[in-house]
C-alpha atoms as a PDB file:
ATOM      1  CA  MET A   1     -39.862 -19.288 -19.589  1.00  0.00           C
ATOM      2  CA  ARG A   2     -39.725 -18.840 -23.358  1.00  0.00           C
ATOM      3  CA  TYR A   3     -35.922 -18.647 -23.347  1.00  0.00           C
ATOM      4  CA  LEU A   4     -35.693 -21.735 -21.165  1.00  0.00           C
ATOM      5  CA  LEU A   5     -37.808 -23.662 -23.667  1.00  0.00           C
ATOM      6  CA  ILE A   6     -35.699 -22.470 -26.595  1.00  0.00           C
ATOM      7  CA  ALA A   7     -32.521 -23.399 -24.676  1.00  0.00           C
ATOM      8  CA  LEU A   8     -33.939 -26.882 -24.034  1.00  0.00           C
ATOM      9  CA  CYS A   9     -34.715 -27.239 -27.755  1.00  0.00           C
ATOM     10  CA  LEU A  10     -31.123 -26.259 -28.588  1.00  0.00           C
ATOM     11  CA  ILE A  11     -29.738 -28.797 -26.115  1.00  0.00           C
ATOM     12  CA  ALA A  12     -32.001 -31.524 -27.509  1.00  0.00           C
ATOM     13  CA  LEU A  13     -30.883 -30.644 -31.027  1.00  0.00           C
ATOM     14  CA  ALA A  14     -27.219 -30.772 -30.051  1.00  0.00           C
ATOM     15  CA  CYS A  15     -27.745 -34.247 -28.608  1.00  0.00           C
ATOM     16  CA  ALA A  16     -29.807 -35.381 -31.574  1.00  0.00           C
ATOM     17  CA  GLU A  17     -29.356 -38.985 -32.391  1.00  0.00           C
ATOM     18  CA  VAL A  18     -28.371 -40.220 -35.818  1.00  0.00           C
ATOM     19  CA  LYS A  19     -31.215 -42.274 -37.287  1.00  0.00           C
ATOM     20  CA  VAL A  20     -30.236 -44.704 -40.023  1.00  0.00           C
ATOM     21  CA  ARG A  21     -32.467 -46.283 -42.648  1.00  0.00           C
ATOM     22  CA  THR A  22     -31.035 -48.956 -44.883  1.00  0.00           C
ATOM     23  CA  SER A  23     -32.429 -50.522 -48.034  1.00  0.00           C
ATOM     24  CA  TYR A  24     -30.900 -53.255 -50.145  1.00  0.00           C
ATOM     25  CA  ASP A  25     -31.633 -55.838 -52.800  1.00  0.00           C
ATOM     26  CA  PRO A  26     -32.351 -59.090 -50.908  1.00  0.00           C
ATOM     27  CA  GLN A  27     -31.780 -61.163 -54.072  1.00  0.00           C
ATOM     28  CA  VAL A  28     -28.083 -60.271 -54.202  1.00  0.00           C
ATOM     29  CA  ASN A  29     -25.418 -62.593 -52.801  1.00  0.00           C
ATOM     30  CA  TYR A  30     -23.246 -60.060 -50.969  1.00  0.00           C
ATOM     31  CA  GLU A  31     -20.564 -62.658 -50.249  1.00  0.00           C
ATOM     32  CA  GLN A  32     -19.466 -62.513 -53.916  1.00  0.00           C
ATOM     33  CA  TYR A  33     -18.099 -58.978 -53.530  1.00  0.00           C
ATOM     34  CA  LYS A  34     -14.485 -58.489 -52.469  1.00  0.00           C
ATOM     35  CA  THR A  35     -13.350 -55.123 -53.899  1.00  0.00           C
ATOM     36  CA  TRP A  36     -14.686 -51.575 -54.161  1.00  0.00           C
ATOM     37  CA  CYS A  37     -13.885 -48.214 -55.714  1.00  0.00           C
ATOM     38  CA  TRP A  38     -15.387 -44.721 -55.685  1.00  0.00           C
ATOM     39  CA  ILE A  39     -17.971 -44.218 -58.419  1.00  0.00           C
ATOM     40  CA  ASN A  40     -16.378 -41.062 -59.921  1.00  0.00           C
ATOM     41  CA  GLY A  41     -13.061 -42.158 -61.385  1.00  0.00           C
ATOM     42  CA  CYS A  42     -12.097 -44.089 -58.266  1.00  0.00           C
ATOM     43  CA  SER A  43     -11.702 -40.954 -56.171  1.00  0.00           C
ATOM     44  CA  PRO A  44     -14.254 -39.533 -53.716  1.00  0.00           C
ATOM     45  CA  SER A  45     -16.201 -36.482 -54.782  1.00  0.00           C
ATOM     46  CA  TYR A  46     -18.493 -34.173 -52.874  1.00  0.00           C
ATOM     47  CA  ASP A  47     -22.161 -33.877 -53.762  1.00  0.00           C
ATOM     48  CA  GLY A  48     -24.065 -31.542 -51.461  1.00  0.00           C
ATOM     49  CA  PRO A  49     -24.662 -27.895 -50.518  1.00  0.00           C
ATOM     50  CA  ARG A  50     -21.785 -25.559 -51.430  1.00  0.00           C
ATOM     51  CA  PHE A  51     -21.842 -23.704 -48.114  1.00  0.00           C
ATOM     52  CA  LEU A  52     -21.159 -26.980 -46.305  1.00  0.00           C
ATOM     53  CA  TYR A  53     -18.196 -27.921 -48.481  1.00  0.00           C
ATOM     54  CA  ASP A  54     -15.225 -28.457 -46.222  1.00  0.00           C
ATOM     55  CA  SER A  55     -12.344 -30.451 -47.633  1.00  0.00           C
ATOM     56  CA  ALA A  56     -11.395 -31.739 -44.174  1.00  0.00           C
ATOM     57  CA  ALA A  57     -14.947 -32.983 -43.521  1.00  0.00           C
ATOM     58  CA  ILE A  58     -15.213 -34.578 -46.975  1.00  0.00           C
ATOM     59  CA  GLU A  59     -11.829 -36.240 -46.489  1.00  0.00           C
ATOM     60  CA  THR A  60     -12.936 -37.531 -43.078  1.00  0.00           C
ATOM     61  CA  ILE A  61     -16.118 -39.012 -44.579  1.00  0.00           C
ATOM     62  CA  ALA A  62     -14.204 -40.660 -47.434  1.00  0.00           C
ATOM     63  CA  ASN A  63     -11.439 -41.973 -45.157  1.00  0.00           C
ATOM     64  CA  THR A  64     -13.920 -43.333 -42.623  1.00  0.00           C
ATOM     65  CA  ILE A  65     -15.834 -45.118 -45.385  1.00  0.00           C
ATOM     66  CA  ALA A  66     -12.553 -46.621 -46.641  1.00  0.00           C
ATOM     67  CA  VAL A  67     -11.566 -47.753 -43.132  1.00  0.00           C
ATOM     68  CA  GLU A  68     -14.999 -49.283 -42.470  1.00  0.00           C
ATOM     69  CA  MET A  69     -14.971 -51.129 -45.807  1.00  0.00           C
ATOM     70  CA  ALA A  70     -11.482 -52.488 -45.012  1.00  0.00           C
ATOM     71  CA  LYS A  71     -12.691 -53.649 -41.585  1.00  0.00           C
ATOM     72  CA  LYS A  72     -15.489 -55.516 -43.350  1.00  0.00           C
ATOM     73  CA  GLY A  73     -12.961 -57.317 -45.556  1.00  0.00           C
ATOM     74  CA  PHE A  74     -13.338 -55.275 -48.757  1.00  0.00           C
ATOM     75  CA  LYS A  75     -10.227 -54.177 -50.628  1.00  0.00           C
ATOM     76  CA  GLN A  76     -10.129 -50.758 -52.294  1.00  0.00           C
ATOM     77  CA  VAL A  77      -8.810 -51.021 -55.875  1.00  0.00           C
ATOM     78  CA  ASP A  78      -8.496 -48.523 -58.721  1.00  0.00           C
ATOM     79  CA  GLU A  79      -9.994 -50.481 -61.584  1.00  0.00           C
ATOM     80  CA  ASN A  80     -12.325 -53.419 -62.137  1.00  0.00           C
ATOM     81  CA  SER A  81     -13.766 -53.366 -58.622  1.00  0.00           C
ATOM     82  CA  ASP A  82     -16.840 -55.407 -57.730  1.00  0.00           C
ATOM     83  CA  LEU A  83     -18.592 -52.468 -56.071  1.00  0.00           C
ATOM     84  CA  LEU A  84     -18.864 -48.735 -56.714  1.00  0.00           C
ATOM     85  CA  LEU A  85     -19.466 -46.401 -53.748  1.00  0.00           C
ATOM     86  CA  ASP A  86     -20.744 -42.854 -53.616  1.00  0.00           C
ATOM     87  CA  PHE A  87     -21.938 -40.530 -50.873  1.00  0.00           C
ATOM     88  CA  HIS A  88     -23.756 -37.239 -50.783  1.00  0.00           C
ATOM     89  CA  ILE A  89     -25.130 -34.842 -48.205  1.00  0.00           C
ATOM     90  CA  ILE A  90     -28.660 -33.462 -48.207  1.00  0.00           C
ATOM     91  CA  LEU A  91     -29.784 -30.554 -46.036  1.00  0.00           C
ATOM     92  CA  LYS A  92     -33.299 -29.236 -45.645  1.00  0.00           C
ATOM     93  CA  GLU A  93     -34.261 -26.224 -43.560  1.00  0.00           C
ATOM     94  CA  ASP A  94     -37.086 -26.824 -41.104  1.00  0.00           C
ATOM     95  CA  SER A  95     -38.589 -25.142 -38.048  1.00  0.00           C
ATOM     96  CA  SER A  96     -40.437 -26.021 -34.918  1.00  0.00           C
ATOM     97  CA  MET A  97     -42.578 -24.014 -32.567  1.00  0.00           C
ATOM     98  CA  ALA A  98     -41.419 -23.581 -29.009  1.00  0.00           C
ATOM     99  CA  ALA A  99     -44.459 -22.420 -27.030  1.00  0.00           C
ATOM    100  CA  TRP A 100     -46.809 -23.427 -24.261  1.00  0.00           C
ATOM    101  CA  VAL A 101     -50.475 -22.904 -25.130  1.00  0.00           C
ATOM    102  CA  HIS A 102     -53.373 -23.867 -22.935  1.00  0.00           C
ATOM    103  CA  GLU A 103     -56.179 -25.743 -24.658  1.00  0.00           C
ATOM    104  CA  GLU A 104     -58.751 -23.081 -23.744  1.00  0.00           C
ATOM    105  CA  ASP A 105     -56.584 -20.419 -25.440  1.00  0.00           C
ATOM    106  CA  LEU A 106     -56.315 -22.229 -28.797  1.00  0.00           C
ATOM    107  CA  PRO A 107     -59.269 -20.458 -30.475  1.00  0.00           C
ATOM    108  CA  PHE A 108     -57.600 -17.093 -29.778  1.00  0.00           C
ATOM    109  CA  TRP A 109     -53.972 -18.030 -30.392  1.00  0.00           C
ATOM    110  CA  ASP A 110     -52.256 -17.060 -33.631  1.00  0.00           C
ATOM    111  CA  PRO A 111     -48.875 -18.817 -33.901  1.00  0.00           C
ATOM    112  CA  TYR A 112     -47.833 -16.670 -36.877  1.00  0.00           C
ATOM    113  CA  ASN A 113     -48.020 -13.563 -34.714  1.00  0.00           C
ATOM    114  CA  GLU A 114     -45.160 -14.822 -32.565  1.00  0.00           C
ATOM    115  CA  PRO A 115     -42.209 -15.532 -34.897  1.00  0.00           C
ATOM    116  CA  GLU A 116     -39.729 -15.496 -31.976  1.00  0.00           C
ATOM    117  CA  ASN A 117     -41.281 -18.763 -30.777  1.00  0.00           C
ATOM    118  CA  TYR A 118     -39.944 -20.637 -33.785  1.00  0.00           C
ATOM    119  CA  TYR A 119     -36.632 -22.436 -33.767  1.00  0.00           C
ATOM    120  CA  HIS A 120     -35.082 -22.944 -37.192  1.00  0.00           C
ATOM    121  CA  PHE A 121     -32.789 -25.896 -37.858  1.00  0.00           C
ATOM    122  CA  LEU A 122     -31.541 -28.245 -40.575  1.00  0.00           C
ATOM    123  CA  ARG A 123     -32.442 -31.845 -41.249  1.00  0.00           C
ATOM    124  CA  GLY A 124     -29.201 -33.344 -42.484  1.00  0.00           C
ATOM    125  CA  SER A 125     -28.703 -36.643 -44.282  1.00  0.00           C
ATOM    126  CA  LEU A 126     -25.609 -38.543 -45.300  1.00  0.00           C
ATOM    127  CA  VAL A 127     -26.551 -40.958 -48.076  1.00  0.00           C
ATOM    128  CA  ILE A 128     -24.168 -43.770 -48.999  1.00  0.00           C
ATOM    129  CA  ASP A 129     -24.929 -45.695 -52.194  1.00  0.00           C
ATOM    130  CA  ILE A 130     -23.316 -48.967 -53.207  1.00  0.00           C
ATOM    131  CA  ALA A 131     -23.701 -50.327 -56.732  1.00  0.00           C
ATOM    132  CA  ASP A 132     -22.733 -53.542 -58.496  1.00  0.00           C
ATOM    133  CA  ARG A 133     -20.221 -52.438 -61.152  1.00  0.00           C
ATOM    134  CA  GLU A 134     -20.849 -55.333 -63.537  1.00  0.00           C
ATOM    135  CA  LYS A 135     -24.650 -55.089 -63.457  1.00  0.00           C
ATOM    136  CA  GLY A 136     -24.649 -51.293 -63.275  1.00  0.00           C
ATOM    137  CA  ARG A 137     -27.334 -51.064 -60.626  1.00  0.00           C
ATOM    138  CA  MET A 138     -27.748 -49.981 -57.037  1.00  0.00           C
ATOM    139  CA  ILE A 139     -27.748 -52.853 -54.537  1.00  0.00           C
ATOM    140  CA  TRP A 140     -27.542 -51.063 -51.168  1.00  0.00           C
ATOM    141  CA  ARG A 141     -28.322 -47.606 -49.720  1.00  0.00           C
ATOM    142  CA  SER A 142     -27.956 -46.115 -46.287  1.00  0.00           C
ATOM    143  CA  ASN A 143     -29.512 -42.831 -45.198  1.00  0.00           C
ATOM    144  CA  ALA A 144     -28.188 -41.448 -41.891  1.00  0.00           C
ATOM    145  CA  GLU A 145     -30.287 -38.501 -40.693  1.00  0.00           C
ATOM    146  CA  ARG A 146     -29.746 -36.000 -37.924  1.00  0.00           C
ATOM    147  CA  LEU A 147     -31.105 -32.625 -36.839  1.00  0.00           C
ATOM    148  CA  MET A 148     -28.488 -29.864 -36.927  1.00  0.00           C
ATOM    149  CA  ALA A 149     -28.130 -26.154 -36.203  1.00  0.00           C
ATOM    150  CA  LEU A 150     -28.620 -23.747 -39.126  1.00  0.00           C
ATOM    151  CA  THR A 151     -24.876 -23.178 -39.257  1.00  0.00           C
ATOM    152  CA  PRO A 152     -23.592 -26.696 -38.667  1.00  0.00           C
ATOM    153  CA  ASP A 153     -20.136 -27.223 -37.274  1.00  0.00           C
ATOM    154  CA  LEU A 154     -19.163 -30.732 -38.286  1.00  0.00           C
ATOM    155  CA  ASP A 155     -16.946 -32.306 -35.649  1.00  0.00           C
ATOM    156  CA  GLN A 156     -14.525 -34.993 -36.917  1.00  0.00           C
ATOM    157  CA  ALA A 157     -15.635 -37.489 -34.234  1.00  0.00           C
ATOM    158  CA  GLU A 158     -19.315 -36.905 -35.098  1.00  0.00           C
ATOM    159  CA  ILE A 159     -18.588 -37.473 -38.793  1.00  0.00           C
ATOM    160  CA  ARG A 160     -16.767 -40.744 -38.089  1.00  0.00           C
ATOM    161  CA  SER A 161     -19.543 -41.916 -35.777  1.00  0.00           C
ATOM    162  CA  GLY A 162     -22.229 -41.086 -38.368  1.00  0.00           C
ATOM    163  CA  VAL A 163     -20.414 -42.932 -41.157  1.00  0.00           C
ATOM    164  CA  LYS A 164     -19.883 -45.992 -38.932  1.00  0.00           C
ATOM    165  CA  LYS A 165     -23.592 -46.059 -38.086  1.00  0.00           C
ATOM    166  CA  ALA A 166     -24.502 -45.635 -41.760  1.00  0.00           C
ATOM    167  CA  LEU A 167     -22.360 -48.648 -42.765  1.00  0.00           C
ATOM    168  CA  LYS A 168     -23.146 -50.796 -39.739  1.00  0.00           C
ATOM    169  CA  LYS A 169     -25.535 -53.098 -41.616  1.00  0.00           C
ATOM    170  CA  PHE A 170     -23.384 -53.530 -44.716  1.00  0.00           C
ATOM    171  CA  PRO A 171     -23.108 -56.122 -46.035  1.00  0.00           C
ATOM    172  CA  PRO A 172     -26.418 -57.629 -44.988  1.00  0.00           C
ATOM    173  CA  LYS A 173     -26.098 -61.020 -43.340  1.00  0.00           C
ATOM    174  CA  THR A 174     -26.671 -63.897 -45.769  1.00  0.00           C
ATOM    175  CA  ALA A 175     -29.799 -64.953 -43.860  1.00  0.00           C
ATOM    176  CA  ASP A 176     -31.108 -61.352 -44.005  1.00  0.00           C
ATOM    177  CA  ALA A 177     -30.355 -61.054 -47.718  1.00  0.00           C
ATOM    178  CA  LYS A 178     -32.267 -64.254 -48.524  1.00  0.00           C
ATOM    179  CA  LYS A 179     -35.450 -63.131 -46.709  1.00  0.00           C
END
């Protein structure tokens, strides 16, 4: 039964949904922006855990961001862009208990005595920041979170899907930005 529960936890983790939180400055007129560039010398750079560094994955993230910005009508330029973009990855190790305990057994149950009942995983976040170059301040941020295995294998399609979800609400609609 224990292995079945752990297997179910693994399946649920593999199918984990990307949850996106977005914050932005509602006082900004987003219609004024037409061009963008990467924040570090107009080329993408990786900011995240070293063990997760994979040039193909980083290139996929950067290319997907560029494609999504182009679809939204923003032109990527090398100098004097309206917007500066940056992304980084954050990983935090976490664990969850996989056990069935009857209420009447709780006074006698010691969860720390059963380490095999814990499933360890990562909480992963892709953070995309967008800043106004002229004003030098952040105007929009997206945080796409997902649960992942301890040794994540980043699939190209999953990366593209996560980036698309992270940028879905950019730029905010004019009515939303004026609220």
